[in-house]
């Protein structure tokens, strides 16, 4: 199951309250070297999404992202003047092959 750190919950709640939203949706899209992940604000998620709740935060998880996020954790990281969300514990991306090189 996807984990969420307390610092990520705190920051996500700030974002949601600033936009009058009710939750976030985690989704995956497929690129040339494996999946990439993103977040959207949402009211109820989409059909087929899994729901994770932590400290009143609703996190909807896209079915395409669910398996690869099974042992991952969403964290909020602050490093100097840089801060943002990070998903830790993702599987390694597939190695790129072929003579055309890789876009990664």
Foldseek 3Di string as FASTA:
>chain_A
DEAEDPQRVVVQVVVCVVVVAQEKEKEWDADQFGIDIDIDTDRPDDPPWDWDDDPRHTYTYDPVCCVQRVPWYWYWDDDPPDIDIDIPDGDDTHDDDDPVDDPD
